[in-house]
Amino acid sequence: MPEQDKVREPGTKYDSPATRLTYEDYCRMPAGLRYELVEGDIRMAPSPSVFHQEVSKRLEKLLLEWVEGQGLGMVYDAPLDVVLSEHNVVQPDLLYVSRERLGIIKEANIWGAPDLVVEILSSSTAEWDRVTKRRAYERYGVKELWLVDLDGRSVEVAARRDAALETVQVYPLGTTLSSPILPGLVLDVNLLFR
């Protein structure tokens, strides 16, 4: 089995926050829990709320129908490891990989930056998603990022401009979201948060 296709297996726990962990270490974390590794720092991902799951389900349905219905690529949901580098393994809520880049999809994970990443924010993950993970997505080449704010009932869309993920627009209730990399895709924000 190729090295990048490892399935996580139970392993040791890490007590030292000074240790910069690698993908190899990540693969040895105890099974059954969700983890993310950003710049060598590991974080256990909490279980999402029911509202989070409802919003995620609506978004996934929209993306699946649009992307896969037109043969544009593949859409996946969490938990699924996205290996950005040796020290960066994340599990976005939703992701899209374009048809031209399907080679990054491996048996056990995604090996490289998806074209689109969707993060659904909660009070416990907002800072991690908005700052830490966004920086990693920017660094490793994600083309578009959606930050879905459950409390604020809005969606921030950021797109790649040169080497940065810059906010294109924040879509509040009463507006219709459009995607820079998926022309023609539209989303009534009211329906997302109903």
N, C-alpha and C. Protein backbone atom coordinates (compact mmCIF):
# COMPACT_ATOMS: atom_id res chain seq x y z
N MET A 1 0.86 -1.18 0.00
CA MET A 1 0.00 0.00 0.00
C MET A 1 0.89 1.24 0.00
N PRO A 2 0.59 2.23 -0.86
CA PRO A 2 1.40 3.44 -0.88
C PRO A 2 1.38 4.14 0.48
N GLU A 3 2.49 4.76 0.82
CA GLU A 3 2.64 5.45 2.11
C GLU A 3 1.51 6.45 2.36
N GLN A 4 1.10 7.21 1.32
CA GLN A 4 0.09 8.24 1.51
C GLN A 4 -1.32 7.68 1.67
N ASP A 5 -1.48 6.37 1.52
CA ASP A 5 -2.80 5.77 1.62
C ASP A 5 -3.04 5.06 2.95
N LYS A 6 -2.27 5.38 3.95
CA LYS A 6 -2.41 4.72 5.24
C LYS A 6 -3.78 4.97 5.84
N VAL A 7 -4.28 3.97 6.49
CA VAL A 7 -5.49 4.11 7.29
C VAL A 7 -5.01 4.28 8.72
N ARG A 8 -5.64 5.20 9.45
CA ARG A 8 -5.21 5.42 10.83
C ARG A 8 -5.41 4.17 11.67
N GLU A 9 -4.44 3.90 12.53
CA GLU A 9 -4.52 2.77 13.44
C GLU A 9 -4.29 3.29 14.85
N PRO A 10 -4.80 2.55 15.87
CA PRO A 10 -4.58 2.98 17.23
C PRO A 10 -3.08 3.08 17.55
N GLY A 11 -2.73 3.99 18.44
CA GLY A 11 -1.32 4.14 18.78
C GLY A 11 -1.15 4.92 20.05
N THR A 12 0.03 5.49 20.21
CA THR A 12 0.37 6.18 21.44
C THR A 12 -0.31 7.53 21.55
N LYS A 13 -0.39 8.01 22.79
CA LYS A 13 -0.88 9.36 23.06
C LYS A 13 0.32 10.26 23.24
N TYR A 14 0.16 11.52 22.86
CA TYR A 14 1.26 12.47 22.96
C TYR A 14 0.96 13.47 24.06
N ASP A 15 1.88 13.58 25.01
CA ASP A 15 1.68 14.45 26.15
C ASP A 15 2.40 15.79 26.01
N SER A 16 3.45 15.86 25.19
CA SER A 16 4.25 17.07 25.10
C SER A 16 3.72 18.00 24.01
N PRO A 17 3.21 19.20 24.39
CA PRO A 17 2.74 20.13 23.38
C PRO A 17 3.88 20.70 22.55
N ALA A 18 5.14 20.53 22.98
CA ALA A 18 6.28 21.04 22.23
C ALA A 18 6.65 20.12 21.07
N THR A 19 6.11 18.91 21.04
CA THR A 19 6.41 17.97 19.98
C THR A 19 5.68 18.39 18.70
N ARG A 20 6.43 18.52 17.61
CA ARG A 20 5.81 18.84 16.32
C ARG A 20 5.49 17.53 15.64
N LEU A 21 4.23 17.18 15.61
CA LEU A 21 3.80 15.89 15.11
C LEU A 21 3.79 15.85 13.58
N THR A 22 3.87 14.64 13.05
CA THR A 22 3.87 14.41 11.60
C THR A 22 2.66 13.57 11.22
N TYR A 23 2.49 13.39 9.92
CA TYR A 23 1.42 12.51 9.42
C TYR A 23 1.58 11.11 9.98
N GLU A 24 2.81 10.64 10.08
CA GLU A 24 3.10 9.32 10.66
C GLU A 24 2.55 9.24 12.09
N ASP A 25 2.80 10.27 12.90
CA ASP A 25 2.27 10.31 14.27
C ASP A 25 0.74 10.34 14.26
N TYR A 26 0.20 11.15 13.38
CA TYR A 26 -1.26 11.29 13.25
C TYR A 26 -1.90 9.93 12.98
N CYS A 27 -1.28 9.15 12.13
CA CYS A 27 -1.82 7.82 11.79
C CYS A 27 -1.83 6.86 12.97
N ARG A 28 -1.04 7.15 13.99
CA ARG A 28 -0.99 6.29 15.18
C ARG A 28 -1.92 6.75 16.29
N MET A 29 -2.67 7.83 16.08
CA MET A 29 -3.58 8.31 17.13
C MET A 29 -4.70 7.29 17.32
N PRO A 30 -5.27 7.22 18.52
CA PRO A 30 -6.33 6.24 18.78
C PRO A 30 -7.50 6.39 17.81
N ALA A 31 -7.96 5.26 17.30
CA ALA A 31 -9.08 5.25 16.36
C ALA A 31 -10.37 5.61 17.08
N GLY A 32 -11.35 6.07 16.31
CA GLY A 32 -12.67 6.35 16.86
C GLY A 32 -12.89 7.80 17.22
N LEU A 33 -11.85 8.61 17.22
CA LEU A 33 -11.97 10.03 17.51
C LEU A 33 -11.52 10.80 16.28
N ARG A 34 -12.01 12.03 16.14
CA ARG A 34 -11.60 12.88 15.01
C ARG A 34 -10.49 13.82 15.45
N TYR A 35 -9.42 13.84 14.65
CA TYR A 35 -8.29 14.71 14.92
C TYR A 35 -7.98 15.54 13.69
N GLU A 36 -7.31 16.67 13.92
CA GLU A 36 -6.73 17.45 12.85
C GLU A 36 -5.33 17.85 13.29
N LEU A 37 -4.43 17.95 12.31
CA LEU A 37 -3.04 18.28 12.56
C LEU A 37 -2.70 19.50 11.70
N VAL A 38 -2.37 20.62 12.35
CA VAL A 38 -2.00 21.83 11.61
C VAL A 38 -0.66 22.32 12.14
N GLU A 39 0.30 22.41 11.24
CA GLU A 39 1.67 22.80 11.56
C GLU A 39 2.23 22.00 12.72
N GLY A 40 1.89 20.71 12.75
CA GLY A 40 2.42 19.81 13.77
C GLY A 40 1.68 19.81 15.08
N ASP A 41 0.67 20.67 15.24
CA ASP A 41 -0.14 20.70 16.46
C ASP A 41 -1.41 19.90 16.22
N ILE A 42 -1.68 18.98 17.14
CA ILE A 42 -2.86 18.13 16.98
C ILE A 42 -4.01 18.69 17.80
N ARG A 43 -5.20 18.52 17.26
CA ARG A 43 -6.40 18.98 17.96
C ARG A 43 -7.50 17.95 17.72
N MET A 44 -8.20 17.60 18.78
CA MET A 44 -9.33 16.70 18.64
C MET A 44 -10.52 17.53 18.20
N ALA A 45 -11.20 17.08 17.15
CA ALA A 45 -12.35 17.80 16.63
C ALA A 45 -13.60 17.35 17.38
N PRO A 46 -14.34 18.30 17.96
CA PRO A 46 -15.55 17.92 18.69
C PRO A 46 -16.65 17.45 17.75
N SER A 47 -17.58 16.70 18.31
CA SER A 47 -18.73 16.24 17.54
C SER A 47 -19.60 17.43 17.15
N PRO A 48 -20.07 17.48 15.90
CA PRO A 48 -20.90 18.61 15.48
C PRO A 48 -22.31 18.56 16.07
N SER A 49 -22.93 19.74 16.16
CA SER A 49 -24.30 19.84 16.68
C SER A 49 -25.30 19.37 15.63
N VAL A 50 -26.54 19.22 16.04
CA VAL A 50 -27.60 18.82 15.11
C VAL A 50 -27.80 19.89 14.05
N PHE A 51 -27.79 21.17 14.44
CA PHE A 51 -27.96 22.25 13.46
C PHE A 51 -26.80 22.25 12.46
N HIS A 52 -25.60 22.04 12.95
CA HIS A 52 -24.43 21.92 12.08
C HIS A 52 -24.66 20.82 11.05
N GLN A 53 -25.15 19.68 11.49
CA GLN A 53 -25.40 18.56 10.59
C GLN A 53 -26.48 18.88 9.56
N GLU A 54 -27.53 19.60 9.98
CA GLU A 54 -28.60 19.98 9.05
C GLU A 54 -28.07 20.90 7.95
N VAL A 55 -27.28 21.90 8.35
CA VAL A 55 -26.70 22.83 7.38
C VAL A 55 -25.74 22.09 6.46
N SER A 56 -24.93 21.23 7.03
CA SER A 56 -23.98 20.44 6.24
C SER A 56 -24.72 19.57 5.21
N LYS A 57 -25.80 18.95 5.64
CA LYS A 57 -26.58 18.08 4.76
C LYS A 57 -27.15 18.88 3.58
N ARG A 58 -27.66 20.07 3.85
CA ARG A 58 -28.22 20.91 2.78
C ARG A 58 -27.13 21.33 1.79
N LEU A 59 -25.99 21.74 2.32
CA LEU A 59 -24.88 22.14 1.46
C LEU A 59 -24.36 20.97 0.63
N GLU A 60 -24.21 19.84 1.27
CA GLU A 60 -23.72 18.66 0.55
C GLU A 60 -24.67 18.28 -0.59
N LYS A 61 -25.96 18.32 -0.31
CA LYS A 61 -26.94 17.99 -1.35
C LYS A 61 -26.80 18.93 -2.54
N LEU A 62 -26.71 20.22 -2.26
CA LEU A 62 -26.56 21.21 -3.33
C LEU A 62 -25.29 20.94 -4.14
N LEU A 63 -24.16 20.76 -3.44
CA LEU A 63 -22.89 20.54 -4.13
C LEU A 63 -22.88 19.23 -4.92
N LEU A 64 -23.42 18.18 -4.33
CA LEU A 64 -23.49 16.90 -5.04
C LEU A 64 -24.29 17.02 -6.32
N GLU A 65 -25.47 17.63 -6.22
CA GLU A 65 -26.32 17.76 -7.41
C GLU A 65 -25.64 18.61 -8.48
N TRP A 66 -24.98 19.72 -8.08
CA TRP A 66 -24.37 20.62 -9.04
C TRP A 66 -23.09 20.03 -9.63
N VAL A 67 -22.19 19.61 -8.77
CA VAL A 67 -20.86 19.16 -9.20
C VAL A 67 -20.92 17.80 -9.89
N GLU A 68 -21.47 16.83 -9.20
CA GLU A 68 -21.47 15.48 -9.77
C GLU A 68 -22.52 15.34 -10.87
N GLY A 69 -23.60 16.12 -10.76
CA GLY A 69 -24.62 16.10 -11.81
C GLY A 69 -24.10 16.59 -13.15
N GLN A 70 -23.12 17.48 -13.12
CA GLN A 70 -22.53 18.00 -14.35
C GLN A 70 -21.18 17.36 -14.68
N GLY A 71 -20.79 16.38 -13.89
CA GLY A 71 -19.51 15.70 -14.13
C GLY A 71 -18.31 16.59 -13.91
N LEU A 72 -18.41 17.52 -12.95
CA LEU A 72 -17.33 18.48 -12.71
C LEU A 72 -16.25 17.94 -11.77
N GLY A 73 -16.54 16.86 -11.04
CA GLY A 73 -15.58 16.33 -10.08
C GLY A 73 -16.30 15.56 -9.00
N MET A 74 -15.72 15.57 -7.79
CA MET A 74 -16.27 14.80 -6.67
C MET A 74 -16.45 15.69 -5.45
N VAL A 75 -17.46 15.36 -4.64
CA VAL A 75 -17.75 16.06 -3.39
C VAL A 75 -17.71 15.03 -2.26
N TYR A 76 -17.07 15.40 -1.15
CA TYR A 76 -16.98 14.52 0.02
C TYR A 76 -17.31 15.30 1.28
N ASP A 77 -17.69 14.55 2.34
CA ASP A 77 -17.96 15.18 3.63
C ASP A 77 -17.10 14.56 4.72
N ALA A 78 -17.06 15.22 5.86
CA ALA A 78 -16.27 14.75 7.01
C ALA A 78 -16.95 13.51 7.61
N PRO A 79 -16.18 12.68 8.23
CA PRO A 79 -14.74 12.76 8.41
C PRO A 79 -13.98 12.11 7.24
N LEU A 80 -13.08 12.85 6.67
CA LEU A 80 -12.19 12.36 5.61
C LEU A 80 -10.90 13.17 5.71
N ASP A 81 -9.78 12.48 5.86
CA ASP A 81 -8.50 13.16 6.00
C ASP A 81 -8.07 13.81 4.69
N VAL A 82 -7.65 15.06 4.79
CA VAL A 82 -7.03 15.78 3.69
C VAL A 82 -5.59 16.03 4.12
N VAL A 83 -4.66 15.34 3.48
CA VAL A 83 -3.25 15.45 3.83
C VAL A 83 -2.65 16.55 2.96
N LEU A 84 -2.37 17.69 3.59
CA LEU A 84 -1.80 18.83 2.88
C LEU A 84 -0.28 18.77 2.87
N SER A 85 0.30 18.21 3.94
CA SER A 85 1.75 18.06 4.04
C SER A 85 2.04 17.11 5.19
N GLU A 86 3.31 16.89 5.46
CA GLU A 86 3.72 16.00 6.54
C GLU A 86 3.20 16.47 7.90
N HIS A 87 3.01 17.78 8.08
CA HIS A 87 2.58 18.33 9.37
C HIS A 87 1.18 18.92 9.33
N ASN A 88 0.42 18.66 8.26
CA ASN A 88 -0.91 19.27 8.11
C ASN A 88 -1.91 18.26 7.55
N VAL A 89 -2.82 17.81 8.42
CA VAL A 89 -3.88 16.87 8.04
C VAL A 89 -5.17 17.42 8.62
N VAL A 90 -6.13 17.77 7.75
CA VAL A 90 -7.38 18.38 8.20
C VAL A 90 -8.57 17.54 7.74
N GLN A 91 -9.72 17.83 8.34
CA GLN A 91 -10.97 17.17 7.97
C GLN A 91 -12.03 18.24 7.76
N PRO A 92 -12.07 18.85 6.56
CA PRO A 92 -13.09 19.87 6.30
C PRO A 92 -14.49 19.26 6.38
N ASP A 93 -15.47 20.10 6.67
CA ASP A 93 -16.85 19.60 6.70
C ASP A 93 -17.28 19.09 5.34
N LEU A 94 -16.93 19.84 4.29
CA LEU A 94 -17.23 19.43 2.91
C LEU A 94 -16.06 19.83 2.04
N LEU A 95 -15.88 19.12 0.94
CA LEU A 95 -14.84 19.50 0.00
C LEU A 95 -15.21 19.06 -1.41
N TYR A 96 -14.63 19.78 -2.37
CA TYR A 96 -14.83 19.48 -3.79
C TYR A 96 -13.47 19.38 -4.45
N VAL A 97 -13.30 18.33 -5.27
CA VAL A 97 -12.10 18.14 -6.08
C VAL A 97 -12.54 18.12 -7.54
N SER A 98 -11.96 19.00 -8.34
CA SER A 98 -12.34 19.09 -9.75
C SER A 98 -11.92 17.85 -10.53
N ARG A 99 -12.59 17.61 -11.63
CA ARG A 99 -12.35 16.46 -12.49
C ARG A 99 -10.87 16.39 -12.90
N GLU A 100 -10.28 17.54 -13.18
CA GLU A 100 -8.89 17.58 -13.63
C GLU A 100 -7.91 17.16 -12.53
N ARG A 101 -8.34 17.18 -11.29
CA ARG A 101 -7.44 16.90 -10.17
C ARG A 101 -7.85 15.66 -9.38
N LEU A 102 -8.63 14.78 -9.98
CA LEU A 102 -9.11 13.59 -9.27
C LEU A 102 -7.98 12.67 -8.81
N GLY A 103 -6.79 12.84 -9.35
CA GLY A 103 -5.64 12.03 -8.95
C GLY A 103 -5.23 12.21 -7.51
N ILE A 104 -5.68 13.30 -6.86
CA ILE A 104 -5.33 13.50 -5.44
C ILE A 104 -6.21 12.66 -4.52
N ILE A 105 -7.23 12.04 -5.07
CA ILE A 105 -8.13 11.19 -4.28
C ILE A 105 -7.53 9.80 -4.21
N LYS A 106 -7.18 9.38 -2.99
CA LYS A 106 -6.59 8.06 -2.75
C LYS A 106 -7.61 7.18 -2.06
N GLU A 107 -7.25 5.95 -1.81
CA GLU A 107 -8.17 5.01 -1.17
C GLU A 107 -8.56 5.45 0.24
N ALA A 108 -7.60 5.95 1.01
CA ALA A 108 -7.86 6.28 2.41
C ALA A 108 -8.04 7.76 2.68
N ASN A 109 -7.68 8.64 1.73
CA ASN A 109 -7.69 10.06 2.02
C ASN A 109 -7.56 10.88 0.74
N ILE A 110 -7.54 12.18 0.93
CA ILE A 110 -7.25 13.13 -0.15
C ILE A 110 -5.81 13.57 0.08
N TRP A 111 -4.97 13.49 -0.94
CA TRP A 111 -3.55 13.79 -0.80
C TRP A 111 -3.25 15.06 -1.59
N GLY A 112 -3.53 16.22 -0.99
CA GLY A 112 -3.33 17.51 -1.63
C GLY A 112 -4.52 18.42 -1.34
N ALA A 113 -4.43 19.65 -1.82
CA ALA A 113 -5.46 20.65 -1.53
C ALA A 113 -6.68 20.46 -2.42
N PRO A 114 -7.87 20.36 -1.83
CA PRO A 114 -9.09 20.35 -2.63
C PRO A 114 -9.27 21.69 -3.33
N ASP A 115 -10.12 21.74 -4.34
CA ASP A 115 -10.42 23.00 -5.02
C ASP A 115 -11.27 23.90 -4.12
N LEU A 116 -12.27 23.32 -3.47
CA LEU A 116 -13.18 24.05 -2.58
C LEU A 116 -13.23 23.33 -1.24
N VAL A 117 -13.15 24.11 -0.16
CA VAL A 117 -13.29 23.59 1.19
C VAL A 117 -14.41 24.38 1.86
N VAL A 118 -15.29 23.67 2.57
CA VAL A 118 -16.36 24.30 3.35
C VAL A 118 -16.14 23.96 4.81
N GLU A 119 -16.05 24.99 5.65
CA GLU A 119 -15.96 24.82 7.09
C GLU A 119 -17.20 25.43 7.73
N ILE A 120 -17.90 24.63 8.53
CA ILE A 120 -19.09 25.12 9.25
C ILE A 120 -18.64 25.45 10.67
N LEU A 121 -18.73 26.74 11.01
CA LEU A 121 -18.19 27.22 12.27
C LEU A 121 -19.13 26.96 13.44
N SER A 122 -18.55 26.61 14.56
CA SER A 122 -19.29 26.56 15.82
C SER A 122 -18.49 27.38 16.81
N SER A 123 -19.06 27.64 17.97
CA SER A 123 -18.35 28.48 18.94
C SER A 123 -17.03 27.84 19.36
N SER A 124 -16.96 26.52 19.38
CA SER A 124 -15.72 25.85 19.81
C SER A 124 -14.68 25.73 18.70
N THR A 125 -15.08 25.91 17.44
CA THR A 125 -14.13 25.74 16.33
C THR A 125 -13.89 26.99 15.51
N ALA A 126 -14.63 28.07 15.77
CA ALA A 126 -14.59 29.25 14.90
C ALA A 126 -13.18 29.81 14.73
N GLU A 127 -12.46 30.00 15.82
CA GLU A 127 -11.11 30.57 15.74
C GLU A 127 -10.17 29.63 14.99
N TRP A 128 -10.25 28.35 15.29
CA TRP A 128 -9.43 27.33 14.63
C TRP A 128 -9.69 27.33 13.12
N ASP A 129 -10.98 27.36 12.73
CA ASP A 129 -11.34 27.32 11.31
C ASP A 129 -11.00 28.63 10.60
N ARG A 130 -11.34 29.76 11.23
CA ARG A 130 -11.15 31.08 10.59
C ARG A 130 -9.69 31.48 10.44
N VAL A 131 -8.87 31.10 11.40
CA VAL A 131 -7.48 31.57 11.40
C VAL A 131 -6.50 30.45 11.07
N THR A 132 -6.44 29.45 11.93
CA THR A 132 -5.43 28.41 11.81
C THR A 132 -5.59 27.59 10.54
N LYS A 133 -6.78 27.04 10.34
CA LYS A 133 -6.99 26.20 9.15
C LYS A 133 -7.01 27.04 7.87
N ARG A 134 -7.56 28.23 7.94
CA ARG A 134 -7.56 29.10 6.75
C ARG A 134 -6.13 29.37 6.27
N ARG A 135 -5.24 29.61 7.22
CA ARG A 135 -3.83 29.83 6.88
C ARG A 135 -3.24 28.60 6.18
N ALA A 136 -3.57 27.42 6.68
CA ALA A 136 -3.09 26.18 6.04
C ALA A 136 -3.70 26.02 4.65
N TYR A 137 -4.98 26.29 4.50
CA TYR A 137 -5.62 26.18 3.19
C TYR A 137 -4.98 27.15 2.20
N GLU A 138 -4.69 28.33 2.68
CA GLU A 138 -4.06 29.34 1.84
C GLU A 138 -2.66 28.88 1.41
N ARG A 139 -1.90 28.40 2.38
CA ARG A 139 -0.52 27.98 2.12
C ARG A 139 -0.43 26.82 1.14
N TYR A 140 -1.37 25.89 1.19
CA TYR A 140 -1.26 24.68 0.39
C TYR A 140 -2.11 24.68 -0.88
N GLY A 141 -2.75 25.81 -1.21
CA GLY A 141 -3.33 25.96 -2.52
C GLY A 141 -4.81 25.73 -2.71
N VAL A 142 -5.61 25.74 -1.63
CA VAL A 142 -7.07 25.65 -1.80
C VAL A 142 -7.50 26.87 -2.61
N LYS A 143 -8.37 26.66 -3.61
CA LYS A 143 -8.79 27.75 -4.49
C LYS A 143 -9.94 28.57 -3.93
N GLU A 144 -10.80 27.91 -3.16
CA GLU A 144 -11.97 28.61 -2.61
C GLU A 144 -12.31 28.02 -1.25
N LEU A 145 -12.71 28.91 -0.32
CA LEU A 145 -13.06 28.52 1.04
C LEU A 145 -14.38 29.17 1.41
N TRP A 146 -15.30 28.37 1.93
CA TRP A 146 -16.55 28.89 2.47
C TRP A 146 -16.52 28.70 3.98
N LEU A 147 -16.74 29.80 4.72
CA LEU A 147 -16.86 29.75 6.17
C LEU A 147 -18.32 30.01 6.51
N VAL A 148 -19.00 28.97 6.95
CA VAL A 148 -20.42 29.03 7.23
C VAL A 148 -20.60 29.34 8.71
N ASP A 149 -21.11 30.52 9.01
CA ASP A 149 -21.27 31.00 10.39
C ASP A 149 -22.69 30.68 10.87
N LEU A 150 -22.80 29.66 11.72
CA LEU A 150 -24.12 29.24 12.21
C LEU A 150 -24.76 30.31 13.09
N ASP A 151 -23.97 30.96 13.95
CA ASP A 151 -24.51 31.99 14.83
C ASP A 151 -24.90 33.24 14.06
N GLY A 152 -24.06 33.67 13.14
CA GLY A 152 -24.30 34.88 12.36
C GLY A 152 -25.19 34.66 11.15
N ARG A 153 -25.56 33.40 10.88
CA ARG A 153 -26.41 33.06 9.72
C ARG A 153 -25.89 33.71 8.44
N SER A 154 -24.60 33.44 8.16
CA SER A 154 -23.99 34.00 6.95
C SER A 154 -22.92 33.04 6.43
N VAL A 155 -22.50 33.28 5.18
CA VAL A 155 -21.43 32.49 4.57
C VAL A 155 -20.40 33.44 3.99
N GLU A 156 -19.18 33.31 4.46
CA GLU A 156 -18.06 34.09 3.90
C GLU A 156 -17.42 33.25 2.81
N VAL A 157 -17.27 33.82 1.62
CA VAL A 157 -16.62 33.14 0.51
C VAL A 157 -15.28 33.82 0.25
N ALA A 158 -14.21 33.03 0.33
CA ALA A 158 -12.86 33.52 0.05
C ALA A 158 -12.33 32.77 -1.17
N ALA A 159 -11.64 33.49 -2.04
CA ALA A 159 -11.08 32.88 -3.25
C ALA A 159 -9.61 33.24 -3.37
N ARG A 160 -8.88 32.38 -4.06
CA ARG A 160 -7.45 32.58 -4.24
C ARG A 160 -7.19 33.77 -5.15
N ARG A 161 -6.39 34.69 -4.64
CA ARG A 161 -5.88 35.84 -5.39
C ARG A 161 -4.38 35.82 -5.18
N ASP A 162 -3.63 35.52 -6.23
CA ASP A 162 -2.19 35.32 -6.12
C ASP A 162 -1.94 34.20 -5.10
N ALA A 163 -1.26 34.49 -4.01
CA ALA A 163 -0.95 33.45 -3.03
C ALA A 163 -1.88 33.49 -1.82
N ALA A 164 -2.91 34.33 -1.86
CA ALA A 164 -3.77 34.52 -0.68
C ALA A 164 -5.20 34.06 -0.94
N LEU A 165 -5.88 33.68 0.14
CA LEU A 165 -7.32 33.44 0.10
C LEU A 165 -7.99 34.72 0.60
N GLU A 166 -8.49 35.52 -0.31
CA GLU A 166 -9.09 36.80 0.05
C GLU A 166 -10.61 36.68 0.05
N THR A 167 -11.23 37.33 1.03
CA THR A 167 -12.69 37.32 1.11
C THR A 167 -13.27 38.05 -0.09
N VAL A 168 -14.13 37.36 -0.83
CA VAL A 168 -14.82 37.94 -1.98
C VAL A 168 -16.07 38.65 -1.51
N GLN A 169 -16.83 37.95 -0.65
CA GLN A 169 -18.08 38.52 -0.14
C GLN A 169 -18.56 37.70 1.05
N VAL A 170 -19.29 38.36 1.94
CA VAL A 170 -19.99 37.69 3.02
C VAL A 170 -21.47 37.75 2.66
N TYR A 171 -22.11 36.59 2.61
CA TYR A 171 -23.51 36.49 2.21
C TYR A 171 -24.39 36.29 3.44
N PRO A 172 -25.15 37.32 3.87
CA PRO A 172 -26.07 37.17 5.00
C PRO A 172 -27.42 36.62 4.53
N LEU A 173 -28.33 36.44 5.48
CA LEU A 173 -29.70 36.06 5.14
C LEU A 173 -30.26 37.06 4.13
N GLY A 174 -31.08 36.58 3.21
CA GLY A 174 -31.70 37.45 2.21
C GLY A 174 -30.85 37.63 0.95
N THR A 175 -29.70 36.95 0.89
CA THR A 175 -28.85 37.06 -0.30
C THR A 175 -28.68 35.70 -0.96
N THR A 176 -28.09 35.73 -2.14
CA THR A 176 -27.83 34.50 -2.89
C THR A 176 -26.33 34.37 -3.12
N LEU A 177 -25.78 33.29 -2.62
CA LEU A 177 -24.35 33.02 -2.73
C LEU A 177 -24.03 32.51 -4.13
N SER A 178 -22.89 32.94 -4.66
CA SER A 178 -22.36 32.36 -5.90
C SER A 178 -20.90 32.00 -5.67
N SER A 179 -20.43 31.04 -6.44
CA SER A 179 -19.08 30.52 -6.27
C SER A 179 -18.16 30.99 -7.38
N PRO A 180 -16.99 31.55 -7.05
CA PRO A 180 -16.04 31.96 -8.08
C PRO A 180 -15.53 30.79 -8.93
N ILE A 181 -15.36 29.60 -8.35
CA ILE A 181 -14.82 28.48 -9.14
C ILE A 181 -15.88 27.55 -9.70
N LEU A 182 -17.13 27.75 -9.31
CA LEU A 182 -18.23 26.93 -9.85
C LEU A 182 -19.28 27.85 -10.45
N PRO A 183 -18.99 28.43 -11.62
CA PRO A 183 -19.93 29.37 -12.25
C PRO A 183 -21.30 28.73 -12.44
N GLY A 184 -22.31 29.51 -12.12
CA GLY A 184 -23.68 29.03 -12.27
C GLY A 184 -24.26 28.45 -11.00
N LEU A 185 -23.42 28.03 -10.07
CA LEU A 185 -23.90 27.51 -8.78
C LEU A 185 -24.41 28.68 -7.95
N VAL A 186 -25.63 28.57 -7.48
CA VAL A 186 -26.20 29.61 -6.61
C VAL A 186 -26.86 28.95 -5.40
N LEU A 187 -26.87 29.68 -4.30
CA LEU A 187 -27.43 29.17 -3.06
C LEU A 187 -28.17 30.26 -2.34
N ASP A 188 -29.45 30.08 -2.11
CA ASP A 188 -30.26 31.00 -1.33
C ASP A 188 -29.88 30.80 0.14
N VAL A 189 -29.25 31.78 0.74
CA VAL A 189 -28.76 31.66 2.11
C VAL A 189 -29.90 31.39 3.09
N ASN A 190 -31.08 31.92 2.83
CA ASN A 190 -32.24 31.66 3.70
C ASN A 190 -32.55 30.17 3.77
N LEU A 191 -32.47 29.49 2.63
CA LEU A 191 -32.77 28.04 2.61
C LEU A 191 -31.72 27.25 3.38
N LEU A 192 -30.49 27.71 3.37
CA LEU A 192 -29.42 27.03 4.07
C LEU A 192 -29.68 27.00 5.57
N PHE A 193 -30.17 28.13 6.14
CA PHE A 193 -30.34 28.25 7.58
C PHE A 193 -31.79 28.06 8.05
N ARG A 194 -32.66 27.60 7.21
CA ARG A 194 -34.07 27.48 7.60
C ARG A 194 -34.27 26.57 8.78
